[in-house]
Amino acid sequence: MSVVYHCVVFYYVFMHPCFCLWDIQTKRLQTELLRLEARREEAERKSAQTADKVMMLTDVANQVEETRKENDSLLNQVFNQKYITKVL
C-alpha cells in the first residue's frame, strides 16, 4: 500500500468532518451523562433525607399518641376520683 493511500485513510478516519462531529457528539453525550448522574445523586441524597424525616415524624407521632393516651387515662382517674368522692 502506498503512503498516499495511508494518508487518505488517516484523513477520512481521523480528520474527516464526520469524525469531528462524532467527537463533538461524544463529548456532548458525556457532559449530559455527567449532569444526569449528578442529578440522580442529588435525588438519592434528598430521598434519603426525606426517609429520615419520615421516620423521625413517625416516632414523634407515636409519642404524641402515647402522651394522648396517658392524658386520657389520667383524666379518667381524676374524673373517677372526683365522682367517687362526691358519691361518698
PDB file of N, CA and C in Angstrom:
ATOM      1  N   MET A   1       0.844  -1.177   0.000  1.00  0.00           N
ATOM      2  CA  MET A   1       0.000   0.000   0.000  1.00  0.00           C
ATOM      3  C   MET A   1       0.891   1.243   0.000  1.00  0.00           C
ATOM      4  N   SER A   2       0.418   2.225  -0.686  1.00  0.00           N
ATOM      5  CA  SER A   2       1.235   3.429  -0.838  1.00  0.00           C
ATOM      6  C   SER A   2       1.055   4.356   0.360  1.00  0.00           C
ATOM      7  N   VAL A   3       1.984   5.237   0.496  1.00  0.00           N
ATOM      8  CA  VAL A   3       1.935   6.247   1.552  1.00  0.00           C
ATOM      9  C   VAL A   3       0.737   7.161   1.338  1.00  0.00           C
ATOM     10  N   VAL A   4       0.445   7.470   0.098  1.00  0.00           N
ATOM     11  CA  VAL A   4      -0.714   8.318  -0.213  1.00  0.00           C
ATOM     12  C   VAL A   4      -1.994   7.650   0.262  1.00  0.00           C
ATOM     13  N   TYR A   5      -2.132   6.361   0.020  1.00  0.00           N
ATOM     14  CA  TYR A   5      -3.320   5.625   0.462  1.00  0.00           C
ATOM     15  C   TYR A   5      -3.466   5.740   1.974  1.00  0.00           C
ATOM     16  N   HIS A   6      -2.382   5.528   2.711  1.00  0.00           N
ATOM     17  CA  HIS A   6      -2.423   5.615   4.175  1.00  0.00           C
ATOM     18  C   HIS A   6      -2.783   7.024   4.625  1.00  0.00           C
ATOM     19  N   CYS A   7      -2.288   8.030   3.938  1.00  0.00           N
ATOM     20  CA  CYS A   7      -2.624   9.407   4.281  1.00  0.00           C
ATOM     21  C   CYS A   7      -4.102   9.683   4.043  1.00  0.00           C
ATOM     22  N   VAL A   8      -4.634   9.174   2.946  1.00  0.00           N
ATOM     23  CA  VAL A   8      -6.056   9.360   2.648  1.00  0.00           C
ATOM     24  C   VAL A   8      -6.902   8.642   3.693  1.00  0.00           C
ATOM     25  N   VAL A   9      -6.538   7.430   4.020  1.00  0.00           N
ATOM     26  CA  VAL A   9      -7.282   6.678   5.048  1.00  0.00           C
ATOM     27  C   VAL A   9      -7.217   7.417   6.378  1.00  0.00           C
ATOM     28  N   PHE A  10      -6.029   7.871   6.749  1.00  0.00           N
ATOM     29  CA  PHE A  10      -5.873   8.604   8.003  1.00  0.00           C
ATOM     30  C   PHE A  10      -6.776   9.834   8.012  1.00  0.00           C
ATOM     31  N   TYR A  11      -6.799  10.558   6.898  1.00  0.00           N
ATOM     32  CA  TYR A  11      -7.628  11.755   6.814  1.00  0.00           C
ATOM     33  C   TYR A  11      -9.099  11.409   7.029  1.00  0.00           C
ATOM     34  N   TYR A  12      -9.587  10.405   6.346  1.00  0.00           N
ATOM     35  CA  TYR A  12     -11.001  10.067   6.444  1.00  0.00           C
ATOM     36  C   TYR A  12     -11.363   9.477   7.802  1.00  0.00           C
ATOM     37  N   VAL A  13     -10.438   8.829   8.433  1.00  0.00           N
ATOM     38  CA  VAL A  13     -10.736   8.235   9.737  1.00  0.00           C
ATOM     39  C   VAL A  13     -10.635   9.274  10.847  1.00  0.00           C
ATOM     40  N   PHE A  14      -9.604  10.098  10.822  1.00  0.00           N
ATOM     41  CA  PHE A  14      -9.360  10.988  11.952  1.00  0.00           C
ATOM     42  C   PHE A  14      -9.608  12.466  11.692  1.00  0.00           C
ATOM     43  N   MET A  15      -9.543  12.903  10.469  1.00  0.00           N
ATOM     44  CA  MET A  15      -9.657  14.327  10.194  1.00  0.00           C
ATOM     45  C   MET A  15     -10.942  14.692   9.461  1.00  0.00           C
ATOM     46  N   HIS A  16     -11.630  13.736   8.983  1.00  0.00           N
ATOM     47  CA  HIS A  16     -12.847  13.994   8.223  1.00  0.00           C
ATOM     48  C   HIS A  16     -13.867  14.676   9.131  1.00  0.00           C
ATOM     49  N   PRO A  17     -14.653  15.609   8.592  1.00  0.00           N
ATOM     50  CA  PRO A  17     -15.653  16.317   9.413  1.00  0.00           C
ATOM     51  C   PRO A  17     -16.616  15.385  10.140  1.00  0.00           C
ATOM     52  N   CYS A  18     -16.927  14.254   9.571  1.00  0.00           N
ATOM     53  CA  CYS A  18     -17.821  13.312  10.258  1.00  0.00           C
ATOM     54  C   CYS A  18     -17.194  12.829  11.554  1.00  0.00           C
ATOM     55  N   PHE A  19     -15.897  12.566  11.531  1.00  0.00           N
ATOM     56  CA  PHE A  19     -15.210  12.129  12.743  1.00  0.00           C
ATOM     57  C   PHE A  19     -15.238  13.234  13.785  1.00  0.00           C
ATOM     58  N   CYS A  20     -15.019  14.477  13.350  1.00  0.00           N
ATOM     59  CA  CYS A  20     -15.044  15.603  14.280  1.00  0.00           C
ATOM     60  C   CYS A  20     -16.438  15.776  14.872  1.00  0.00           C
ATOM     61  N   LEU A  21     -17.478  15.626  14.041  1.00  0.00           N
ATOM     62  CA  LEU A  21     -18.838  15.714  14.554  1.00  0.00           C
ATOM     63  C   LEU A  21     -19.121  14.593  15.543  1.00  0.00           C
ATOM     64  N   TRP A  22     -18.606  13.401  15.254  1.00  0.00           N
ATOM     65  CA  TRP A  22     -18.785  12.277  16.171  1.00  0.00           C
ATOM     66  C   TRP A  22     -18.128  12.583  17.507  1.00  0.00           C
ATOM     67  N   ASP A  23     -16.929  13.180  17.459  1.00  0.00           N
ATOM     68  CA  ASP A  23     -16.208  13.533  18.674  1.00  0.00           C
ATOM     69  C   ASP A  23     -16.981  14.589  19.465  1.00  0.00           C
ATOM     70  N   ILE A  24     -17.535  15.574  18.777  1.00  0.00           N
ATOM     71  CA  ILE A  24     -18.329  16.609  19.446  1.00  0.00           C
ATOM     72  C   ILE A  24     -19.574  15.987  20.069  1.00  0.00           C
ATOM     73  N   GLN A  25     -20.228  15.105  19.337  1.00  0.00           N
ATOM     74  CA  GLN A  25     -21.421  14.424  19.851  1.00  0.00           C
ATOM     75  C   GLN A  25     -21.064  13.584  21.075  1.00  0.00           C
ATOM     76  N   THR A  26     -19.936  12.893  21.010  1.00  0.00           N
ATOM     77  CA  THR A  26     -19.496  12.073  22.143  1.00  0.00           C
ATOM     78  C   THR A  26     -19.263  12.944  23.368  1.00  0.00           C
ATOM     79  N   LYS A  27     -18.591  14.057  23.193  1.00  0.00           N
ATOM     80  CA  LYS A  27     -18.334  14.968  24.321  1.00  0.00           C
ATOM     81  C   LYS A  27     -19.639  15.521  24.879  1.00  0.00           C
ATOM     82  N   ARG A  28     -20.568  15.862  23.980  1.00  0.00           N
ATOM     83  CA  ARG A  28     -21.874  16.365  24.434  1.00  0.00           C
ATOM     84  C   ARG A  28     -22.608  15.307  25.246  1.00  0.00           C
ATOM     85  N   LEU A  29     -22.581  14.071  24.765  1.00  0.00           N
ATOM     86  CA  LEU A  29     -23.247  12.988  25.487  1.00  0.00           C
ATOM     87  C   LEU A  29     -22.572  12.705  26.825  1.00  0.00           C
ATOM     88  N   GLN A  30     -21.242  12.784  26.856  1.00  0.00           N
ATOM     89  CA  GLN A  30     -20.531  12.582  28.121  1.00  0.00           C
ATOM     90  C   GLN A  30     -20.893  13.674  29.124  1.00  0.00           C
ATOM     91  N   THR A  31     -20.978  14.908  28.650  1.00  0.00           N
ATOM     92  CA  THR A  31     -21.369  16.019  29.516  1.00  0.00           C
ATOM     93  C   THR A  31     -22.784  15.819  30.042  1.00  0.00           C
ATOM     94  N   GLU A  32     -23.677  15.423  29.159  1.00  0.00           N
ATOM     95  CA  GLU A  32     -25.065  15.159  29.560  1.00  0.00           C
ATOM     96  C   GLU A  32     -25.129  14.016  30.572  1.00  0.00           C
ATOM     97  N   LEU A  33     -24.353  12.981  30.349  1.00  0.00           N
ATOM     98  CA  LEU A  33     -24.317  11.850  31.277  1.00  0.00           C
ATOM     99  C   LEU A  33     -23.840  12.295  32.655  1.00  0.00           C
ATOM    100  N   LEU A  34     -22.782  13.088  32.708  1.00  0.00           N
ATOM    101  CA  LEU A  34     -22.289  13.586  33.990  1.00  0.00           C
ATOM    102  C   LEU A  34     -23.331  14.442  34.693  1.00  0.00           C
ATOM    103  N   ARG A  35     -24.023  15.277  33.919  1.00  0.00           N
ATOM    104  CA  ARG A  35     -25.066  16.120  34.505  1.00  0.00           C
ATOM    105  C   ARG A  35     -26.205  15.276  35.071  1.00  0.00           C
ATOM    106  N   LEU A  36     -26.615  14.268  34.319  1.00  0.00           N
ATOM    107  CA  LEU A  36     -27.696  13.403  34.785  1.00  0.00           C
ATOM    108  C   LEU A  36     -27.280  12.571  35.995  1.00  0.00           C
ATOM    109  N   GLU A  37     -26.036  12.122  36.023  1.00  0.00           N
ATOM    110  CA  GLU A  37     -25.549  11.379  37.182  1.00  0.00           C
ATOM    111  C   GLU A  37     -25.543  12.255  38.424  1.00  0.00           C
ATOM    112  N   ALA A  38     -25.165  13.515  38.268  1.00  0.00           N
ATOM    113  CA  ALA A  38     -25.179  14.448  39.401  1.00  0.00           C
ATOM    114  C   ALA A  38     -26.607  14.668  39.892  1.00  0.00           C
ATOM    115  N   ARG A  39     -27.547  14.798  38.953  1.00  0.00           N
ATOM    116  CA  ARG A  39     -28.959  14.955  39.345  1.00  0.00           C
ATOM    117  C   ARG A  39     -29.475  13.716  40.066  1.00  0.00           C
ATOM    118  N   ARG A  40     -29.082  12.526  39.576  1.00  0.00           N
ATOM    119  CA  ARG A  40     -29.505  11.285  40.226  1.00  0.00           C
ATOM    120  C   ARG A  40     -28.957  11.201  41.641  1.00  0.00           C
ATOM    121  N   GLU A  41     -27.680  11.545  41.815  1.00  0.00           N
ATOM    122  CA  GLU A  41     -27.074  11.505  43.147  1.00  0.00           C
ATOM    123  C   GLU A  41     -27.767  12.482  44.091  1.00  0.00           C
ATOM    124  N   GLU A  42     -28.104  13.667  43.577  1.00  0.00           N
ATOM    125  CA  GLU A  42     -28.813  14.652  44.393  1.00  0.00           C
ATOM    126  C   GLU A  42     -30.203  14.132  44.770  1.00  0.00           C
ATOM    127  N   ALA A  43     -30.876  13.504  43.826  1.00  0.00           N
ATOM    128  CA  ALA A  43     -32.201  12.944  44.113  1.00  0.00           C
ATOM    129  C   ALA A  43     -32.103  11.823  45.148  1.00  0.00           C
ATOM    130  N   GLU A  44     -31.086  10.995  45.055  1.00  0.00           N
ATOM    131  CA  GLU A  44     -30.891   9.932  46.048  1.00  0.00           C
ATOM    132  C   GLU A  44     -30.616  10.520  47.423  1.00  0.00           C
ATOM    133  N   ARG A  45     -29.807  11.592  47.477  1.00  0.00           N
ATOM    134  CA  ARG A  45     -29.495  12.226  48.752  1.00  0.00           C
ATOM    135  C   ARG A  45     -30.759  12.819  49.374  1.00  0.00           C
ATOM    136  N   LYS A  46     -31.559  13.507  48.552  1.00  0.00           N
ATOM    137  CA  LYS A  46     -32.801  14.084  49.050  1.00  0.00           C
ATOM    138  C   LYS A  46     -33.779  13.002  49.486  1.00  0.00           C
ATOM    139  N   SER A  47     -33.807  11.905  48.751  1.00  0.00           N
ATOM    140  CA  SER A  47     -34.686  10.793  49.103  1.00  0.00           C
ATOM    141  C   SER A  47     -34.306  10.211  50.458  1.00  0.00           C
ATOM    142  N   ALA A  48     -33.008  10.056  50.693  1.00  0.00           N
ATOM    143  CA  ALA A  48     -32.549   9.531  51.979  1.00  0.00           C
ATOM    144  C   ALA A  48     -32.889  10.502  53.103  1.00  0.00           C
ATOM    145  N   GLN A  49     -32.731  11.795  52.862  1.00  0.00           N
ATOM    146  CA  GLN A  49     -33.089  12.791  53.875  1.00  0.00           C
ATOM    147  C   GLN A  49     -34.586  12.744  54.172  1.00  0.00           C
ATOM    148  N   THR A  50     -35.386  12.612  53.124  1.00  0.00           N
ATOM    149  CA  THR A  50     -36.833  12.548  53.305  1.00  0.00           C
ATOM    150  C   THR A  50     -37.226  11.298  54.091  1.00  0.00           C
ATOM    151  N   ALA A  51     -36.586  10.189  53.795  1.00  0.00           N
ATOM    152  CA  ALA A  51     -36.869   8.953  54.531  1.00  0.00           C
ATOM    153  C   ALA A  51     -36.530   9.125  56.010  1.00  0.00           C
ATOM    154  N   ASP A  52     -35.413   9.787  56.293  1.00  0.00           N
ATOM    155  CA  ASP A  52     -35.041  10.046  57.689  1.00  0.00           C
ATOM    156  C   ASP A  52     -36.083  10.925  58.373  1.00  0.00           C
ATOM    157  N   LYS A  53     -36.562  11.956  57.661  1.00  0.00           N
ATOM    158  CA  LYS A  53     -37.578  12.836  58.232  1.00  0.00           C
ATOM    159  C   LYS A  53     -38.873  12.086  58.491  1.00  0.00           C
ATOM    160  N   VAL A  54     -39.250  11.206  57.561  1.00  0.00           N
ATOM    161  CA  VAL A  54     -40.478  10.419  57.739  1.00  0.00           C
ATOM    162  C   VAL A  54     -40.360   9.542  58.980  1.00  0.00           C
ATOM    163  N   MET A  55     -39.204   8.909  59.161  1.00  0.00           N
ATOM    164  CA  MET A  55     -39.007   8.070  60.345  1.00  0.00           C
ATOM    165  C   MET A  55     -39.094   8.908  61.623  1.00  0.00           C
ATOM    166  N   MET A  56     -38.467  10.092  61.615  1.00  0.00           N
ATOM    167  CA  MET A  56     -38.499  10.954  62.787  1.00  0.00           C
ATOM    168  C   MET A  56     -39.933  11.409  63.082  1.00  0.00           C
ATOM    169  N   LEU A  57     -40.661  11.825  62.034  1.00  0.00           N
ATOM    170  CA  LEU A  57     -42.036  12.273  62.235  1.00  0.00           C
ATOM    171  C   LEU A  57     -42.938  11.132  62.697  1.00  0.00           C
ATOM    172  N   THR A  58     -42.678   9.932  62.227  1.00  0.00           N
ATOM    173  CA  THR A  58     -43.448   8.774  62.691  1.00  0.00           C
ATOM    174  C   THR A  58     -43.200   8.535  64.173  1.00  0.00           C
ATOM    175  N   ASP A  59     -41.936   8.639  64.597  1.00  0.00           N
ATOM    176  CA  ASP A  59     -41.619   8.495  66.022  1.00  0.00           C
ATOM    177  C   ASP A  59     -42.318   9.565  66.850  1.00  0.00           C
ATOM    178  N   VAL A  60     -42.290  10.807  66.370  1.00  0.00           N
ATOM    179  CA  VAL A  60     -42.934  11.906  67.089  1.00  0.00           C
ATOM    180  C   VAL A  60     -44.446  11.671  67.161  1.00  0.00           C
ATOM    181  N   ALA A  61     -45.039  11.239  66.048  1.00  0.00           N
ATOM    182  CA  ALA A  61     -46.482  10.972  66.035  1.00  0.00           C
ATOM    183  C   ALA A  61     -46.833   9.864  67.033  1.00  0.00           C
ATOM    184  N   ASN A  62     -45.992   8.837  67.108  1.00  0.00           N
ATOM    185  CA  ASN A  62     -46.232   7.758  68.078  1.00  0.00           C
ATOM    186  C   ASN A  62     -46.117   8.274  69.510  1.00  0.00           C
ATOM    187  N   GLN A  63     -45.150   9.144  69.769  1.00  0.00           N
ATOM    188  CA  GLN A  63     -45.005   9.724  71.105  1.00  0.00           C
ATOM    189  C   GLN A  63     -46.208  10.583  71.459  1.00  0.00           C
ATOM    190  N   VAL A  64     -46.702  11.348  70.493  1.00  0.00           N
ATOM    191  CA  VAL A  64     -47.892  12.178  70.723  1.00  0.00           C
ATOM    192  C   VAL A  64     -49.088  11.290  71.066  1.00  0.00           C
ATOM    193  N   GLU A  65     -49.228  10.200  70.333  1.00  0.00           N
ATOM    194  CA  GLU A  65     -50.344   9.281  70.589  1.00  0.00           C
ATOM    195  C   GLU A  65     -50.232   8.652  71.980  1.00  0.00           C
ATOM    196  N   GLU A  66     -49.016   8.255  72.356  1.00  0.00           N
ATOM    197  CA  GLU A  66     -48.823   7.689  73.696  1.00  0.00           C
ATOM    198  C   GLU A  66     -49.140   8.721  74.777  1.00  0.00           C
ATOM    199  N   THR A  67     -48.704   9.960  74.579  1.00  0.00           N
ATOM    200  CA  THR A  67     -48.980  11.027  75.546  1.00  0.00           C
ATOM    201  C   THR A  67     -50.479  11.287  75.635  1.00  0.00           C
ATOM    202  N   ARG A  68     -51.161  11.279  74.484  1.00  0.00           N
ATOM    203  CA  ARG A  68     -52.615  11.484  74.495  1.00  0.00           C
ATOM    204  C   ARG A  68     -53.317  10.393  75.296  1.00  0.00           C
ATOM    205  N   LYS A  69     -52.885   9.150  75.097  1.00  0.00           N
ATOM    206  CA  LYS A  69     -53.480   8.031  75.841  1.00  0.00           C
ATOM    207  C   LYS A  69     -53.213   8.162  77.332  1.00  0.00           C
ATOM    208  N   GLU A  70     -51.995   8.552  77.688  1.00  0.00           N
ATOM    209  CA  GLU A  70     -51.669   8.748  79.107  1.00  0.00           C
ATOM    210  C   GLU A  70     -52.523   9.873  79.700  1.00  0.00           C
ATOM    211  N   ASN A  71     -52.683  10.968  78.941  1.00  0.00           N
ATOM    212  CA  ASN A  71     -53.513  12.075  79.415  1.00  0.00           C
ATOM    213  C   ASN A  71     -54.963  11.643  79.592  1.00  0.00           C
ATOM    214  N   ASP A  72     -55.486  10.877  78.641  1.00  0.00           N
ATOM    215  CA  ASP A  72     -56.857  10.377  78.765  1.00  0.00           C
ATOM    216  C   ASP A  72     -56.998   9.504  80.005  1.00  0.00           C
ATOM    217  N   SER A  73     -56.018   8.658  80.227  1.00  0.00           N
ATOM    218  CA  SER A  73     -56.055   7.788  81.397  1.00  0.00           C
ATOM    219  C   SER A  73     -56.031   8.608  82.685  1.00  0.00           C
ATOM    220  N   LEU A  74     -55.169   9.603  82.744  1.00  0.00           N
ATOM    221  CA  LEU A  74     -55.094  10.457  83.938  1.00  0.00           C
ATOM    222  C   LEU A  74     -56.379  11.241  84.139  1.00  0.00           C
ATOM    223  N   LEU A  75     -56.958  11.754  83.024  1.00  0.00           N
ATOM    224  CA  LEU A  75     -58.232  12.470  83.143  1.00  0.00           C
ATOM    225  C   LEU A  75     -59.331  11.551  83.671  1.00  0.00           C
ATOM    226  N   ASN A  76     -59.371  10.317  83.209  1.00  0.00           N
ATOM    227  CA  ASN A  76     -60.363   9.358  83.701  1.00  0.00           C
ATOM    228  C   ASN A  76     -60.153   9.074  85.175  1.00  0.00           C
ATOM    229  N   GLN A  77     -58.897   8.948  85.583  1.00  0.00           N
ATOM    230  CA  GLN A  77     -58.611   8.706  87.007  1.00  0.00           C
ATOM    231  C   GLN A  77     -59.075   9.885  87.849  1.00  0.00           C
ATOM    232  N   VAL A  78     -58.803  11.105  87.400  1.00  0.00           N
ATOM    233  CA  VAL A  78     -59.225  12.297  88.130  1.00  0.00           C
ATOM    234  C   VAL A  78     -60.747  12.368  88.169  1.00  0.00           C
ATOM    235  N   PHE A  79     -61.391  12.138  87.037  1.00  0.00           N
ATOM    236  CA  PHE A  79     -62.847  12.181  86.990  1.00  0.00           C
ATOM    237  C   PHE A  79     -63.441  11.130  87.926  1.00  0.00           C
ATOM    238  N   ASN A  80     -62.920   9.909  87.852  1.00  0.00           N
ATOM    239  CA  ASN A  80     -63.429   8.838  88.705  1.00  0.00           C
ATOM    240  C   ASN A  80     -63.195   9.157  90.176  1.00  0.00           C
ATOM    241  N   GLN A  81     -62.045   9.728  90.521  1.00  0.00           N
ATOM    242  CA  GLN A  81     -61.756  10.076  91.911  1.00  0.00           C
ATOM    243  C   GLN A  81     -62.731  11.132  92.408  1.00  0.00           C
ATOM    244  N   LYS A  82     -63.013  12.164  91.570  1.00  0.00           N
ATOM    245  CA  LYS A  82     -63.957  13.213  91.960  1.00  0.00           C
ATOM    246  C   LYS A  82     -65.375  12.629  92.079  1.00  0.00           C
ATOM    247  N   TYR A  83     -65.737  11.750  91.158  1.00  0.00           N
ATOM    248  CA  TYR A  83     -67.064  11.148  91.166  1.00  0.00           C
ATOM    249  C   TYR A  83     -67.248  10.294  92.410  1.00  0.00           C
ATOM    250  N   ILE A  84     -66.240   9.502  92.719  1.00  0.00           N
ATOM    251  CA  ILE A  84     -66.310   8.619  93.895  1.00  0.00           C
ATOM    252  C   ILE A  84     -66.371   9.477  95.166  1.00  0.00           C
ATOM    253  N   THR A  85     -65.609  10.544  95.241  1.00  0.00           N
ATOM    254  CA  THR A  85     -65.611  11.406  96.405  1.00  0.00           C
ATOM    255  C   THR A  85     -66.968  12.054  96.581  1.00  0.00           C
ATOM    256  N   LYS A  86     -67.619  12.494  95.510  1.00  0.00           N
ATOM    257  CA  LYS A  86     -68.935  13.104  95.601  1.00  0.00           C
ATOM    258  C   LYS A  86     -70.006  12.101  96.018  1.00  0.00           C
ATOM    259  N   VAL A  87     -69.870  10.883  95.529  1.00  0.00           N
ATOM    260  CA  VAL A  87     -70.861   9.859  95.854  1.00  0.00           C
ATOM    261  C   VAL A  87     -70.747   9.476  97.326  1.00  0.00           C
ATOM    262  N   LEU A  88     -69.549   9.408  97.820  1.00  0.00           N
ATOM    263  CA  LEU A  88     -69.359   9.024  99.224  1.00  0.00           C
ATOM    264  C   LEU A  88     -69.689  10.212 100.088  1.00  0.00           C
TER     265      LEU A  88
END
